[in-house]
Amino acid sequence: MIDILAAAGGAAAGSGGPMGFILSLLPWIGIFGIFWFLIFRPQMKKQKEHQERISSVKKGDQVVTAGGLVGKVAKVDDTYVEIDLAKDVRVKAVKHTIGDIIPPGGKAAND
């Protein structure tokens, strides 16, 4: 019984020719479009903004690392940032692990 229904469904779908195939792809194209505009595109925009913020880090900025450390930037190069956490406490961090830059006298922008 199931084989007969499957064969009948295959014959009905095949009778549409190329147009039936295109119509069966439309829902998948729609789903991809929804994912693109609701998930992928905003995420790429957010990543680009973060990368621009990180590239603008300079000596004297107060930053928050991805690990939650808050400190003042002492030295910046292409890959690493040295951060003063307290008096005589300096850590070297990978530049891309900086989560946010805190504006002077303010809270983090992502709060």
C-alpha atoms as a PDB file:
ATOM      1  CA  MET A   1       0.000   0.000   0.000  1.00  0.00           C
ATOM      2  CA  ILE A   2       2.770   2.428   0.907  1.00  0.00           C
ATOM      3  CA  ASP A   3       4.681   1.539  -2.269  1.00  0.00           C
ATOM      4  CA  ILE A   4       1.644   2.375  -4.364  1.00  0.00           C
ATOM      5  CA  LEU A   5       1.260   5.781  -2.678  1.00  0.00           C
ATOM      6  CA  ALA A   6       4.962   6.520  -3.104  1.00  0.00           C
ATOM      7  CA  ALA A   7       4.805   5.579  -6.782  1.00  0.00           C
ATOM      8  CA  ALA A   8       1.693   7.705  -7.287  1.00  0.00           C
ATOM      9  CA  GLY A   9       3.321  10.665  -5.543  1.00  0.00           C
ATOM     10  CA  GLY A  10       6.461  10.272  -7.652  1.00  0.00           C
ATOM     11  CA  ALA A  11       4.412  10.144 -10.839  1.00  0.00           C
ATOM     12  CA  ALA A  12       2.454  13.242  -9.833  1.00  0.00           C
ATOM     13  CA  ALA A  13       5.613  15.170  -8.972  1.00  0.00           C
ATOM     14  CA  GLY A  14       7.324  14.056 -12.150  1.00  0.00           C
ATOM     15  CA  SER A  15       4.421  15.154 -14.313  1.00  0.00           C
ATOM     16  CA  GLY A  16       5.177  18.827 -13.600  1.00  0.00           C
ATOM     17  CA  GLY A  17       8.530  18.598 -15.323  1.00  0.00           C
ATOM     18  CA  PRO A  18      11.108  21.278 -14.580  1.00  0.00           C
ATOM     19  CA  MET A  19       8.480  23.620 -13.145  1.00  0.00           C
ATOM     20  CA  GLY A  20       7.636  21.096 -10.411  1.00  0.00           C
ATOM     21  CA  PHE A  21      11.304  20.937  -9.419  1.00  0.00           C
ATOM     22  CA  ILE A  22      11.578  24.735  -9.207  1.00  0.00           C
ATOM     23  CA  LEU A  23       8.421  24.942  -7.109  1.00  0.00           C
ATOM     24  CA  SER A  24       9.787  22.316  -4.726  1.00  0.00           C
ATOM     25  CA  LEU A  25      12.945  24.434  -4.269  1.00  0.00           C
ATOM     26  CA  LEU A  26      11.080  27.666  -3.464  1.00  0.00           C
ATOM     27  CA  PRO A  27      10.484  26.887   0.234  1.00  0.00           C
ATOM     28  CA  TRP A  28      14.181  26.063   0.699  1.00  0.00           C
ATOM     29  CA  ILE A  29      15.218  29.288  -1.005  1.00  0.00           C
ATOM     30  CA  GLY A  30      12.812  31.170   1.262  1.00  0.00           C
ATOM     31  CA  ILE A  31      14.211  29.495   4.380  1.00  0.00           C
ATOM     32  CA  PHE A  32      17.758  30.366   3.312  1.00  0.00           C
ATOM     33  CA  GLY A  33      16.701  33.984   2.714  1.00  0.00           C
ATOM     34  CA  ILE A  34      15.131  34.219   6.157  1.00  0.00           C
ATOM     35  CA  PHE A  35      18.247  32.771   7.798  1.00  0.00           C
ATOM     36  CA  TRP A  36      20.451  35.162   5.824  1.00  0.00           C
ATOM     37  CA  PHE A  37      18.598  38.309   6.864  1.00  0.00           C
ATOM     38  CA  LEU A  38      17.798  37.306  10.454  1.00  0.00           C
ATOM     39  CA  ILE A  39      20.958  35.443  11.508  1.00  0.00           C
ATOM     40  CA  PHE A  40      23.959  35.551   9.174  1.00  0.00           C
ATOM     41  CA  ARG A  41      23.861  39.172   8.022  1.00  0.00           C
ATOM     42  CA  PRO A  42      23.501  40.768  11.497  1.00  0.00           C
ATOM     43  CA  GLN A  43      26.237  38.489  12.851  1.00  0.00           C
ATOM     44  CA  MET A  44      28.634  39.514  10.072  1.00  0.00           C
ATOM     45  CA  LYS A  45      27.826  43.180  10.718  1.00  0.00           C
ATOM     46  CA  LYS A  46      28.487  42.754  14.437  1.00  0.00           C
ATOM     47  CA  GLN A  47      31.788  40.982  13.735  1.00  0.00           C
ATOM     48  CA  LYS A  48      32.897  43.771  11.380  1.00  0.00           C
ATOM     49  CA  GLU A  49      32.083  46.451  13.986  1.00  0.00           C
ATOM     50  CA  HIS A  50      34.030  44.531  16.646  1.00  0.00           C
ATOM     51  CA  GLN A  51      37.033  44.194  14.357  1.00  0.00           C
ATOM     52  CA  GLU A  52      36.974  47.946  13.649  1.00  0.00           C
ATOM     53  CA  ARG A  53      36.830  48.701  17.389  1.00  0.00           C
ATOM     54  CA  ILE A  54      39.733  46.363  18.111  1.00  0.00           C
ATOM     55  CA  SER A  55      41.867  47.863  15.345  1.00  0.00           C
ATOM     56  CA  SER A  56      41.344  51.328  16.867  1.00  0.00           C
ATOM     57  CA  VAL A  57      42.679  50.343  20.322  1.00  0.00           C
ATOM     58  CA  LYS A  58      45.447  52.671  21.422  1.00  0.00           C
ATOM     59  CA  LYS A  59      47.642  53.231  24.460  1.00  0.00           C
ATOM     60  CA  GLY A  60      45.661  54.592  27.393  1.00  0.00           C
ATOM     61  CA  ASP A  61      42.300  53.020  26.482  1.00  0.00           C
ATOM     62  CA  GLN A  62      40.484  51.105  29.188  1.00  0.00           C
ATOM     63  CA  VAL A  63      39.429  47.686  27.902  1.00  0.00           C
ATOM     64  CA  VAL A  64      37.591  44.547  28.957  1.00  0.00           C
ATOM     65  CA  THR A  65      39.012  41.226  27.764  1.00  0.00           C
ATOM     66  CA  ALA A  66      36.922  38.218  26.817  1.00  0.00           C
ATOM     67  CA  GLY A  67      38.026  36.639  30.112  1.00  0.00           C
ATOM     68  CA  GLY A  68      36.560  39.549  32.078  1.00  0.00           C
ATOM     69  CA  LEU A  69      39.776  41.357  32.977  1.00  0.00           C
ATOM     70  CA  VAL A  70      39.506  45.145  33.061  1.00  0.00           C
ATOM     71  CA  GLY A  71      42.589  47.247  32.592  1.00  0.00           C
ATOM     72  CA  LYS A  72      44.360  50.058  30.819  1.00  0.00           C
ATOM     73  CA  VAL A  73      46.258  49.469  27.571  1.00  0.00           C
ATOM     74  CA  ALA A  74      49.998  50.056  28.036  1.00  0.00           C
ATOM     75  CA  LYS A  75      51.349  48.873  24.685  1.00  0.00           C
ATOM     76  CA  VAL A  76      49.807  47.832  21.354  1.00  0.00           C
ATOM     77  CA  ASP A  77      51.324  45.974  18.413  1.00  0.00           C
ATOM     78  CA  ASP A  78      49.816  44.049  15.490  1.00  0.00           C
ATOM     79  CA  THR A  79      48.965  40.873  17.422  1.00  0.00           C
ATOM     80  CA  TYR A  80      49.276  41.574  21.159  1.00  0.00           C
ATOM     81  CA  VAL A  81      48.193  44.172  23.685  1.00  0.00           C
ATOM     82  CA  GLU A  82      49.833  44.710  27.067  1.00  0.00           C
ATOM     83  CA  ILE A  83      47.268  45.617  29.708  1.00  0.00           C
ATOM     84  CA  ASP A  84      47.941  47.147  33.138  1.00  0.00           C
ATOM     85  CA  LEU A  85      45.542  45.502  35.584  1.00  0.00           C
ATOM     86  CA  ALA A  86      46.917  47.063  38.765  1.00  0.00           C
ATOM     87  CA  LYS A  87      50.103  48.701  39.976  1.00  0.00           C
ATOM     88  CA  ASP A  88      53.040  46.573  38.771  1.00  0.00           C
ATOM     89  CA  VAL A  89      50.665  43.983  37.249  1.00  0.00           C
ATOM     90  CA  ARG A  90      50.867  43.818  33.450  1.00  0.00           C
ATOM     91  CA  VAL A  91      49.511  41.048  31.246  1.00  0.00           C
ATOM     92  CA  LYS A  92      50.011  40.386  27.563  1.00  0.00           C
ATOM     93  CA  ALA A  93      46.833  39.444  25.710  1.00  0.00           C
ATOM     94  CA  VAL A  94      46.005  38.584  22.122  1.00  0.00           C
ATOM     95  CA  LYS A  95      44.472  41.686  20.563  1.00  0.00           C
ATOM     96  CA  HIS A  96      41.365  39.884  19.296  1.00  0.00           C
ATOM     97  CA  THR A  97      40.438  38.719  22.808  1.00  0.00           C
ATOM     98  CA  ILE A  98      39.508  42.271  23.771  1.00  0.00           C
ATOM     99  CA  GLY A  99      35.771  42.238  24.286  1.00  0.00           C
ATOM    100  CA  ASP A 100      35.068  45.945  24.562  1.00  0.00           C
ATOM    101  CA  ILE A 101      36.607  49.386  24.958  1.00  0.00           C
ATOM    102  CA  ILE A 102      35.304  51.399  27.897  1.00  0.00           C
ATOM    103  CA  PRO A 103      34.897  55.105  27.142  1.00  0.00           C
ATOM    104  CA  PRO A 104      36.506  57.491  29.677  1.00  0.00           C
ATOM    105  CA  GLY A 105      34.304  57.774  32.767  1.00  0.00           C
ATOM    106  CA  GLY A 106      31.648  55.474  31.365  1.00  0.00           C
ATOM    107  CA  LYS A 107      30.341  51.972  31.156  1.00  0.00           C
ATOM    108  CA  ALA A 108      31.121  49.444  28.425  1.00  0.00           C
ATOM    109  CA  ALA A 109      29.263  50.122  25.171  1.00  0.00           C
ATOM    110  CA  ASN A 110      27.682  46.624  25.170  1.00  0.00           C
ATOM    111  CA  ASP A 111      25.943  47.138  28.550  1.00  0.00           C
END
